[in-house]
Each structure stands twice: as C-alpha cells, then as structure tokens.
Amino acid sequence: MQDGSDDFFQIAALVVATLTGIIVIAFALIFVNPRIAFNPFKPPIVPTPIIVALPTSQPTWTPTTTPTETSTPTLTPTSTATPTLTSTPTNAPTNTSAPTARPATRTPVIALPPTPLPSAFPYRATLRSCAFGSPTQIKGKVTSGGSPVDGVHIRLATSTDVATVVEDQAVKRDSDLSTIYAFIISPPDSGSFQWHIWLTDAQGASISDPNYNVTINSLPASSPDSCWIAVVDFVR
C-alpha cells in the first residue's frame, strides 16, 4: 500500500508542475503580445493623432498707381483743297440691285455629361452616419445587390499599407441574417484621426478601395460635427 501511495503523489506532483509551466508560458506570451488570440482581456487600440500642416495663402499683389492719359493731341488742317468737277460723264454704269446678306447659320453644341470611369474594385464604401456615442467604433453591413455577402474579410489600418493593419476580421451574420462587422477603437485624446478600412477576399486581395478613410474626432456630444460612432456600409 505504501508503494502505491508514493506513485500517486509522484504523478500528482508531475501534473502540478506541468500545469504550472503551461500557466507561466501563457502569461509570458500575453506579456509579450497582449492582443494574442487566447487573451480574453485585450487592451483597446489607442491611435496616434496625426498633425496635418495646412497650406498658407499667398499674398495678392494690388497695383498702387494707375496710368492716366492727360492730353490728347489734336490735328488741325491749315488748308482745304476743294476739287472742281468740270465735266460729267454721260455713260456712267448704274447698279440697280443691291447684294442681299445671308444670315450666318450656327450649329448648336450639345454638352454631354462626363462618362464616369469604372472602378477597379467591385465594392464601394458609403458613410451612412457619424455621431457621438460610446463605445467608439466603426461598423456597418456588406451587401451585394441588396443581399448579404459571406466569405469576405474587412481590414482596419492607419494607412493603405498592409503593414499598418491593426485588425482583420471576417464579416459575420447578425440576428436579421445581414452580414455585419464592428471595430471597437479608442477616441483620440484631442483633434481627429483617420482610419482606413477596406474589404478583401478569402485570398487577401483588396475588393474595395484601401484609400477610403473615416475621420474619428474628439468633439463633444454638443457639437454637430462630433463623430465617435461611424456607420460605413460596403455595397456592390
């Protein structure tokens, strides 16, 4: 009986040591990358405000003096020669008909509206609304011909460069069977910040314009330009 009891305690000690090692490794991974997949308490994304220098207006030159003509020369003839007709020709030709002027004809020019260039991406981003609210987020729906779309991903980045992508998620089904997405972000401490969002297919190729961006600001609820919750839909 004593040998069996020793084996039990040895196995229990081995299990406890193994679990302790796993826990230590998990905490180390969370410390290195707090946004790792198995961390249930991921920290929010804090954007870095971008300061944009506004162009200054160029001064306008205004002339200070205007030349004025002060004198007008007048030529006065000193003598006038009057020709004297001594004979009148009897066989002078007489033109009894006057030429008739024909009115000019103008061809009307019809201005055609410019033909829009086709987009290189099948999906187009449309800002539906942007207002004050909490939590700060960018969300919306993805449709094609009015129907929900499956199998596409959406990216959130600080620029069009793939290296600046901070989150990539697949669109999911809502309770009303529509396909939706939602990025929870932190509002800027002051000013505003531009977030780029675009759709990709299953292979990671862009299917909407990565240049599309949404400006989230820190204006209070009393401001009509406050934008904390942006609703952006992608349609095809």
C-alpha atoms as a PDB file:
ATOM      1  CA  MET A   1       0.000   0.000   0.000  1.00  0.00           C
ATOM      2  CA  GLN A   2       2.808   2.438   0.733  1.00  0.00           C
ATOM      3  CA  ASP A   3       4.333   1.969  -2.762  1.00  0.00           C
ATOM      4  CA  GLY A   4       1.006   2.783  -4.459  1.00  0.00           C
ATOM      5  CA  SER A   5       0.596   5.898  -2.341  1.00  0.00           C
ATOM      6  CA  ASP A   6       4.088   7.097  -3.318  1.00  0.00           C
ATOM      7  CA  ASP A   7       3.306   6.620  -7.019  1.00  0.00           C
ATOM      8  CA  PHE A   8       0.099   8.666  -6.659  1.00  0.00           C
ATOM      9  CA  PHE A   9       1.917  11.593  -5.051  1.00  0.00           C
ATOM     10  CA  GLN A  10       4.651  11.481  -7.674  1.00  0.00           C
ATOM     11  CA  ILE A  11       2.063  11.612 -10.507  1.00  0.00           C
ATOM     12  CA  ALA A  12       0.166  14.435  -8.776  1.00  0.00           C
ATOM     13  CA  ALA A  13       3.397  16.417  -8.363  1.00  0.00           C
ATOM     14  CA  LEU A  14       4.225  15.889 -12.054  1.00  0.00           C
ATOM     15  CA  VAL A  15       0.750  17.115 -13.122  1.00  0.00           C
ATOM     16  CA  VAL A  16       1.011  20.224 -10.908  1.00  0.00           C
ATOM     17  CA  ALA A  17       4.481  21.020 -12.281  1.00  0.00           C
ATOM     18  CA  THR A  18       3.250  20.628 -15.874  1.00  0.00           C
ATOM     19  CA  LEU A  19       0.219  22.890 -15.300  1.00  0.00           C
ATOM     20  CA  THR A  20       2.449  25.460 -13.590  1.00  0.00           C
ATOM     21  CA  GLY A  21       4.788  25.505 -16.600  1.00  0.00           C
ATOM     22  CA  ILE A  22       1.858  25.942 -19.034  1.00  0.00           C
ATOM     23  CA  ILE A  23       0.470  28.843 -16.982  1.00  0.00           C
ATOM     24  CA  VAL A  24       3.889  30.533 -16.845  1.00  0.00           C
ATOM     25  CA  ILE A  25       4.283  30.193 -20.647  1.00  0.00           C
ATOM     26  CA  ALA A  26       0.760  31.601 -21.234  1.00  0.00           C
ATOM     27  CA  PHE A  27       1.446  34.626 -19.017  1.00  0.00           C
ATOM     28  CA  ALA A  28       4.752  35.226 -20.802  1.00  0.00           C
ATOM     29  CA  LEU A  29       3.038  35.170 -24.223  1.00  0.00           C
ATOM     30  CA  ILE A  30       0.363  37.599 -23.013  1.00  0.00           C
ATOM     31  CA  PHE A  31       3.063  39.885 -21.616  1.00  0.00           C
ATOM     32  CA  VAL A  32       4.904  39.909 -24.980  1.00  0.00           C
ATOM     33  CA  ASN A  33       1.715  40.322 -27.108  1.00  0.00           C
ATOM     34  CA  PRO A  34      -1.328  41.499 -25.091  1.00  0.00           C
ATOM     35  CA  ARG A  35      -3.553  41.076 -28.201  1.00  0.00           C
ATOM     36  CA  ILE A  36      -2.825  37.343 -28.559  1.00  0.00           C
ATOM     37  CA  ALA A  37      -5.840  35.233 -29.567  1.00  0.00           C
ATOM     38  CA  PHE A  38      -6.396  33.401 -26.201  1.00  0.00           C
ATOM     39  CA  ASN A  39      -6.204  36.588 -24.094  1.00  0.00           C
ATOM     40  CA  PRO A  40      -9.845  37.365 -23.110  1.00  0.00           C
ATOM     41  CA  PHE A  41      -8.915  40.873 -21.888  1.00  0.00           C
ATOM     42  CA  LYS A  42      -7.275  42.501 -24.953  1.00  0.00           C
ATOM     43  CA  PRO A  43      -6.334  46.177 -24.406  1.00  0.00           C
ATOM     44  CA  PRO A  44      -8.118  48.740 -26.643  1.00  0.00           C
ATOM     45  CA  ILE A  45      -6.344  50.191 -29.673  1.00  0.00           C
ATOM     46  CA  VAL A  46      -5.067  53.695 -28.957  1.00  0.00           C
ATOM     47  CA  PRO A  47      -4.434  55.654 -32.199  1.00  0.00           C
ATOM     48  CA  THR A  48      -1.671  58.184 -32.555  1.00  0.00           C
ATOM     49  CA  PRO A  49      -3.029  61.591 -33.691  1.00  0.00           C
ATOM     50  CA  ILE A  50      -1.608  62.866 -36.980  1.00  0.00           C
ATOM     51  CA  ILE A  51      -0.871  66.583 -37.229  1.00  0.00           C
ATOM     52  CA  VAL A  52      -1.508  67.896 -40.747  1.00  0.00           C
ATOM     53  CA  ALA A  53       0.052  71.217 -41.744  1.00  0.00           C
ATOM     54  CA  LEU A  54      -2.420  73.444 -43.581  1.00  0.00           C
ATOM     55  CA  PRO A  55      -1.172  75.441 -46.588  1.00  0.00           C
ATOM     56  CA  THR A  56      -0.877  79.194 -46.080  1.00  0.00           C
ATOM     57  CA  SER A  57      -2.465  81.596 -48.531  1.00  0.00           C
ATOM     58  CA  GLN A  58      -0.255  83.609 -50.900  1.00  0.00           C
ATOM     59  CA  PRO A  59      -0.390  87.410 -50.723  1.00  0.00           C
ATOM     60  CA  THR A  60      -2.254  89.156 -53.533  1.00  0.00           C
ATOM     61  CA  TRP A  61      -0.472  91.990 -55.386  1.00  0.00           C
ATOM     62  CA  THR A  62      -2.514  95.139 -55.857  1.00  0.00           C
ATOM     63  CA  PRO A  63      -1.239  97.920 -58.109  1.00  0.00           C
ATOM     64  CA  THR A  64      -0.942 101.262 -56.296  1.00  0.00           C
ATOM     65  CA  THR A  65      -0.924 103.605 -59.294  1.00  0.00           C
ATOM     66  CA  THR A  66      -2.980 103.690 -62.494  1.00  0.00           C
ATOM     67  CA  PRO A  67      -1.557 105.466 -65.516  1.00  0.00           C
ATOM     68  CA  THR A  68      -3.858 108.258 -66.729  1.00  0.00           C
ATOM     69  CA  GLU A  69      -3.639 109.882 -70.151  1.00  0.00           C
ATOM     70  CA  THR A  70      -3.574 113.631 -69.509  1.00  0.00           C
ATOM     71  CA  SER A  71      -3.507 115.077 -73.020  1.00  0.00           C
ATOM     72  CA  THR A  72      -4.984 114.207 -76.401  1.00  0.00           C
ATOM     73  CA  PRO A  73      -3.222 115.615 -79.499  1.00  0.00           C
ATOM     74  CA  THR A  74      -5.492 117.361 -82.000  1.00  0.00           C
ATOM     75  CA  LEU A  75      -4.518 117.815 -85.644  1.00  0.00           C
ATOM     76  CA  THR A  76      -5.962 120.921 -87.350  1.00  0.00           C
ATOM     77  CA  PRO A  77      -5.570 121.204 -91.141  1.00  0.00           C
ATOM     78  CA  THR A  78      -4.295 124.579 -92.317  1.00  0.00           C
ATOM     79  CA  SER A  79      -5.815 124.458 -95.772  1.00  0.00           C
ATOM     80  CA  THR A  80      -8.613 122.603 -97.533  1.00  0.00           C
ATOM     81  CA  ALA A  81      -8.414 121.719-101.182  1.00  0.00           C
ATOM     82  CA  THR A  82     -11.787 121.540-102.947  1.00  0.00           C
ATOM     83  CA  PRO A  83     -11.741 119.641-106.261  1.00  0.00           C
ATOM     84  CA  THR A  84     -13.765 121.161-109.105  1.00  0.00           C
ATOM     85  CA  LEU A  85     -15.616 118.831-111.497  1.00  0.00           C
ATOM     86  CA  THR A  86     -15.607 120.349-114.956  1.00  0.00           C
ATOM     87  CA  SER A  87     -17.358 117.580-116.894  1.00  0.00           C
ATOM     88  CA  THR A  88     -19.947 114.947-116.086  1.00  0.00           C
ATOM     89  CA  PRO A  89     -19.659 111.525-117.758  1.00  0.00           C
ATOM     90  CA  THR A  90     -22.822 110.575-119.591  1.00  0.00           C
ATOM     91  CA  ASN A  91     -22.277 106.838-119.822  1.00  0.00           C
ATOM     92  CA  ALA A  92     -21.820 106.014-116.137  1.00  0.00           C
ATOM     93  CA  PRO A  93     -22.865 102.463-115.191  1.00  0.00           C
ATOM     94  CA  THR A  94     -25.735 102.237-112.774  1.00  0.00           C
ATOM     95  CA  ASN A  95     -26.083  99.340-110.305  1.00  0.00           C
ATOM     96  CA  THR A  96     -29.789  98.915-109.615  1.00  0.00           C
ATOM     97  CA  SER A  97     -29.582  95.796-107.463  1.00  0.00           C
ATOM     98  CA  ALA A  98     -28.004  95.555-104.030  1.00  0.00           C
ATOM     99  CA  PRO A  99     -26.458  92.294-102.742  1.00  0.00           C
ATOM    100  CA  THR A 100     -28.553  90.517-100.131  1.00  0.00           C
ATOM    101  CA  ALA A 101     -26.696  89.476 -96.971  1.00  0.00           C
ATOM    102  CA  ARG A 102     -27.348  85.890 -95.966  1.00  0.00           C
ATOM    103  CA  PRO A 103     -27.663  85.288 -92.201  1.00  0.00           C
ATOM    104  CA  ALA A 104     -24.952  83.137 -90.635  1.00  0.00           C
ATOM    105  CA  THR A 105     -26.059  79.715 -89.524  1.00  0.00           C
ATOM    106  CA  ARG A 106     -24.784  78.378 -86.186  1.00  0.00           C
ATOM    107  CA  THR A 107     -24.705  74.713 -85.298  1.00  0.00           C
ATOM    108  CA  PRO A 108     -25.786  74.183 -81.677  1.00  0.00           C
ATOM    109  CA  VAL A 109     -23.194  72.469 -79.487  1.00  0.00           C
ATOM    110  CA  ILE A 110     -24.644  69.924 -77.040  1.00  0.00           C
ATOM    111  CA  ALA A 111     -22.522  69.360 -73.934  1.00  0.00           C
ATOM    112  CA  LEU A 112     -22.530  65.709 -72.955  1.00  0.00           C
ATOM    113  CA  PRO A 113     -22.102  64.737 -69.300  1.00  0.00           C
ATOM    114  CA  PRO A 114     -18.720  63.211 -68.449  1.00  0.00           C
ATOM    115  CA  THR A 115     -18.605  59.440 -68.507  1.00  0.00           C
ATOM    116  CA  PRO A 116     -17.653  58.108 -65.050  1.00  0.00           C
ATOM    117  CA  LEU A 117     -14.588  55.906 -65.029  1.00  0.00           C
ATOM    118  CA  PRO A 118     -15.238  52.311 -63.958  1.00  0.00           C
ATOM    119  CA  SER A 119     -13.924  51.444 -60.506  1.00  0.00           C
ATOM    120  CA  ALA A 120     -11.131  48.901 -60.185  1.00  0.00           C
ATOM    121  CA  PHE A 121     -12.882  47.431 -57.103  1.00  0.00           C
ATOM    122  CA  PRO A 122     -16.290  45.692 -57.109  1.00  0.00           C
ATOM    123  CA  TYR A 123     -17.357  47.037 -53.687  1.00  0.00           C
ATOM    124  CA  ARG A 124     -17.874  50.718 -52.772  1.00  0.00           C
ATOM    125  CA  ALA A 125     -17.741  52.159 -49.232  1.00  0.00           C
ATOM    126  CA  THR A 126     -20.571  54.543 -48.221  1.00  0.00           C
ATOM    127  CA  LEU A 127     -20.657  56.580 -44.993  1.00  0.00           C
ATOM    128  CA  ARG A 128     -24.223  56.244 -43.643  1.00  0.00           C
ATOM    129  CA  SER A 129     -23.824  58.279 -40.447  1.00  0.00           C
ATOM    130  CA  CYS A 130     -21.311  59.508 -37.903  1.00  0.00           C
ATOM    131  CA  ALA A 131     -22.282  60.869 -34.477  1.00  0.00           C
ATOM    132  CA  PHE A 132     -21.366  60.979 -30.800  1.00  0.00           C
ATOM    133  CA  GLY A 133     -21.710  57.706 -28.868  1.00  0.00           C
ATOM    134  CA  SER A 134     -19.997  55.024 -26.843  1.00  0.00           C
ATOM    135  CA  PRO A 135     -18.074  52.829 -27.267  1.00  0.00           C
ATOM    136  CA  THR A 136     -16.159  54.468 -30.118  1.00  0.00           C
ATOM    137  CA  GLN A 137     -16.377  52.202 -33.140  1.00  0.00           C
ATOM    138  CA  ILE A 138     -16.605  51.802 -36.911  1.00  0.00           C
ATOM    139  CA  LYS A 139     -19.297  49.370 -38.016  1.00  0.00           C
ATOM    140  CA  GLY A 140     -21.594  48.563 -40.919  1.00  0.00           C
ATOM    141  CA  LYS A 141     -23.001  45.978 -43.331  1.00  0.00           C
ATOM    142  CA  VAL A 142     -21.773  44.261 -46.513  1.00  0.00           C
ATOM    143  CA  THR A 143     -24.270  43.617 -49.326  1.00  0.00           C
ATOM    144  CA  SER A 144     -24.219  42.658 -52.992  1.00  0.00           C
ATOM    145  CA  GLY A 145     -27.316  43.538 -54.991  1.00  0.00           C
ATOM    146  CA  GLY A 146     -29.167  44.079 -51.706  1.00  0.00           C
ATOM    147  CA  SER A 147     -28.319  40.606 -50.368  1.00  0.00           C
ATOM    148  CA  PRO A 148     -25.849  39.785 -47.544  1.00  0.00           C
ATOM    149  CA  VAL A 149     -22.397  38.543 -48.529  1.00  0.00           C
ATOM    150  CA  ASP A 150     -20.406  35.702 -46.933  1.00  0.00           C
ATOM    151  CA  GLY A 151     -16.734  34.781 -47.148  1.00  0.00           C
ATOM    152  CA  VAL A 152     -15.217  38.302 -47.182  1.00  0.00           C
ATOM    153  CA  HIS A 153     -12.893  39.971 -44.679  1.00  0.00           C
ATOM    154  CA  ILE A 154     -12.530  43.612 -43.643  1.00  0.00           C
ATOM    155  CA  ARG A 155      -9.348  45.360 -42.507  1.00  0.00           C
ATOM    156  CA  LEU A 156      -8.754  48.321 -40.188  1.00  0.00           C
ATOM    157  CA  ALA A 157      -5.440  50.175 -40.658  1.00  0.00           C
ATOM    158  CA  THR A 158      -3.784  53.531 -40.062  1.00  0.00           C
ATOM    159  CA  SER A 159      -2.837  53.845 -43.777  1.00  0.00           C
ATOM    160  CA  THR A 160      -3.164  51.986 -47.084  1.00  0.00           C
ATOM    161  CA  ASP A 161      -0.028  49.962 -46.270  1.00  0.00           C
ATOM    162  CA  VAL A 162      -0.797  46.377 -45.240  1.00  0.00           C
ATOM    163  CA  ALA A 163       1.947  46.662 -42.605  1.00  0.00           C
ATOM    164  CA  THR A 164      -0.223  49.179 -40.680  1.00  0.00           C
ATOM    165  CA  VAL A 165      -3.249  46.858 -40.377  1.00  0.00           C
ATOM    166  CA  VAL A 166      -4.282  46.687 -36.720  1.00  0.00           C
ATOM    167  CA  GLU A 167      -7.197  44.271 -37.067  1.00  0.00           C
ATOM    168  CA  ASP A 168      -8.579  41.897 -39.704  1.00  0.00           C
ATOM    169  CA  GLN A 169     -11.938  40.234 -39.168  1.00  0.00           C
ATOM    170  CA  ALA A 170     -14.417  38.213 -41.201  1.00  0.00           C
ATOM    171  CA  VAL A 171     -17.903  39.628 -41.625  1.00  0.00           C
ATOM    172  CA  LYS A 172     -20.467  37.687 -39.626  1.00  0.00           C
ATOM    173  CA  ARG A 173     -24.218  37.088 -39.654  1.00  0.00           C
ATOM    174  CA  ASP A 174     -26.458  39.242 -37.477  1.00  0.00           C
ATOM    175  CA  SER A 175     -29.786  38.201 -35.953  1.00  0.00           C
ATOM    176  CA  ASP A 176     -31.595  39.626 -39.010  1.00  0.00           C
ATOM    177  CA  LEU A 177     -29.316  37.474 -41.281  1.00  0.00           C
ATOM    178  CA  SER A 178     -27.409  40.521 -42.559  1.00  0.00           C
ATOM    179  CA  THR A 179     -23.591  40.382 -42.740  1.00  0.00           C
ATOM    180  CA  ILE A 180     -22.020  42.911 -40.369  1.00  0.00           C
ATOM    181  CA  TYR A 181     -18.671  43.987 -38.910  1.00  0.00           C
ATOM    182  CA  ALA A 182     -17.609  46.182 -35.962  1.00  0.00           C
ATOM    183  CA  PHE A 183     -14.210  47.596 -34.904  1.00  0.00           C
ATOM    184  CA  ILE A 184     -14.067  48.876 -31.315  1.00  0.00           C
ATOM    185  CA  ILE A 185     -11.458  51.661 -31.098  1.00  0.00           C
ATOM    186  CA  SER A 186     -10.348  54.359 -28.657  1.00  0.00           C
ATOM    187  CA  PRO A 187     -11.209  58.003 -29.424  1.00  0.00           C
ATOM    188  CA  PRO A 188      -8.264  60.398 -29.933  1.00  0.00           C
ATOM    189  CA  ASP A 189      -7.279  62.439 -26.881  1.00  0.00           C
ATOM    190  CA  SER A 190      -7.573  65.606 -28.970  1.00  0.00           C
ATOM    191  CA  GLY A 191      -8.160  66.575 -32.593  1.00  0.00           C
ATOM    192  CA  SER A 192      -9.060  63.779 -35.001  1.00  0.00           C
ATOM    193  CA  PHE A 193      -7.644  60.587 -36.511  1.00  0.00           C
ATOM    194  CA  GLN A 194      -8.151  58.913 -39.900  1.00  0.00           C
ATOM    195  CA  TRP A 195      -8.796  55.165 -40.060  1.00  0.00           C
ATOM    196  CA  HIS A 196      -8.561  53.247 -43.355  1.00  0.00           C
ATOM    197  CA  ILE A 197     -10.989  50.347 -43.903  1.00  0.00           C
ATOM    198  CA  TRP A 198     -11.382  48.077 -46.923  1.00  0.00           C
ATOM    199  CA  LEU A 199     -12.675  44.637 -47.926  1.00  0.00           C
ATOM    200  CA  THR A 200     -10.584  41.646 -49.016  1.00  0.00           C
ATOM    201  CA  ASP A 201     -11.467  38.276 -50.475  1.00  0.00           C
ATOM    202  CA  ALA A 202     -10.524  34.908 -48.971  1.00  0.00           C
ATOM    203  CA  GLN A 203      -7.030  35.153 -50.529  1.00  0.00           C
ATOM    204  CA  GLY A 204      -6.382  38.637 -49.069  1.00  0.00           C
ATOM    205  CA  ALA A 205      -6.800  40.616 -52.321  1.00  0.00           C
ATOM    206  CA  SER A 206      -8.492  44.020 -51.957  1.00  0.00           C
ATOM    207  CA  ILE A 207     -12.055  44.179 -53.316  1.00  0.00           C
ATOM    208  CA  SER A 208     -12.725  47.784 -52.180  1.00  0.00           C
ATOM    209  CA  ASP A 209     -10.542  50.907 -52.313  1.00  0.00           C
ATOM    210  CA  PRO A 210      -7.946  50.941 -49.454  1.00  0.00           C
ATOM    211  CA  ASN A 211      -7.758  54.739 -49.806  1.00  0.00           C
ATOM    212  CA  TYR A 212     -11.205  55.099 -48.228  1.00  0.00           C
ATOM    213  CA  ASN A 213     -10.895  56.509 -44.707  1.00  0.00           C
ATOM    214  CA  VAL A 214     -13.098  57.596 -41.799  1.00  0.00           C
ATOM    215  CA  THR A 215     -12.184  60.525 -39.523  1.00  0.00           C
ATOM    216  CA  ILE A 216     -12.943  59.915 -35.847  1.00  0.00           C
ATOM    217  CA  ASN A 217     -12.705  63.049 -33.676  1.00  0.00           C
ATOM    218  CA  SER A 218     -12.852  64.024 -30.003  1.00  0.00           C
ATOM    219  CA  LEU A 219     -15.633  66.632 -30.289  1.00  0.00           C
ATOM    220  CA  PRO A 220     -18.296  66.516 -27.524  1.00  0.00           C
ATOM    221  CA  ALA A 221     -21.913  65.479 -27.969  1.00  0.00           C
ATOM    222  CA  SER A 222     -22.990  69.147 -28.160  1.00  0.00           C
ATOM    223  CA  SER A 223     -21.087  69.602 -31.453  1.00  0.00           C
ATOM    224  CA  PRO A 224     -22.973  68.737 -34.684  1.00  0.00           C
ATOM    225  CA  ASP A 225     -19.663  67.576 -36.194  1.00  0.00           C
ATOM    226  CA  SER A 226     -18.970  65.056 -33.419  1.00  0.00           C
ATOM    227  CA  CYS A 227     -18.003  61.642 -34.830  1.00  0.00           C
ATOM    228  CA  TRP A 228     -17.404  58.799 -32.365  1.00  0.00           C
ATOM    229  CA  ILE A 229     -19.530  56.059 -33.977  1.00  0.00           C
ATOM    230  CA  ALA A 230     -19.200  55.801 -37.779  1.00  0.00           C
ATOM    231  CA  VAL A 231     -21.548  53.564 -39.809  1.00  0.00           C
ATOM    232  CA  VAL A 232     -19.920  52.577 -43.126  1.00  0.00           C
ATOM    233  CA  ASP A 233     -21.644  50.103 -45.471  1.00  0.00           C
ATOM    234  CA  PHE A 234     -19.939  48.282 -48.355  1.00  0.00           C
ATOM    235  CA  VAL A 235     -22.227  47.712 -51.356  1.00  0.00           C
ATOM    236  CA  ARG A 236     -21.840  46.107 -54.739  1.00  0.00           C
END
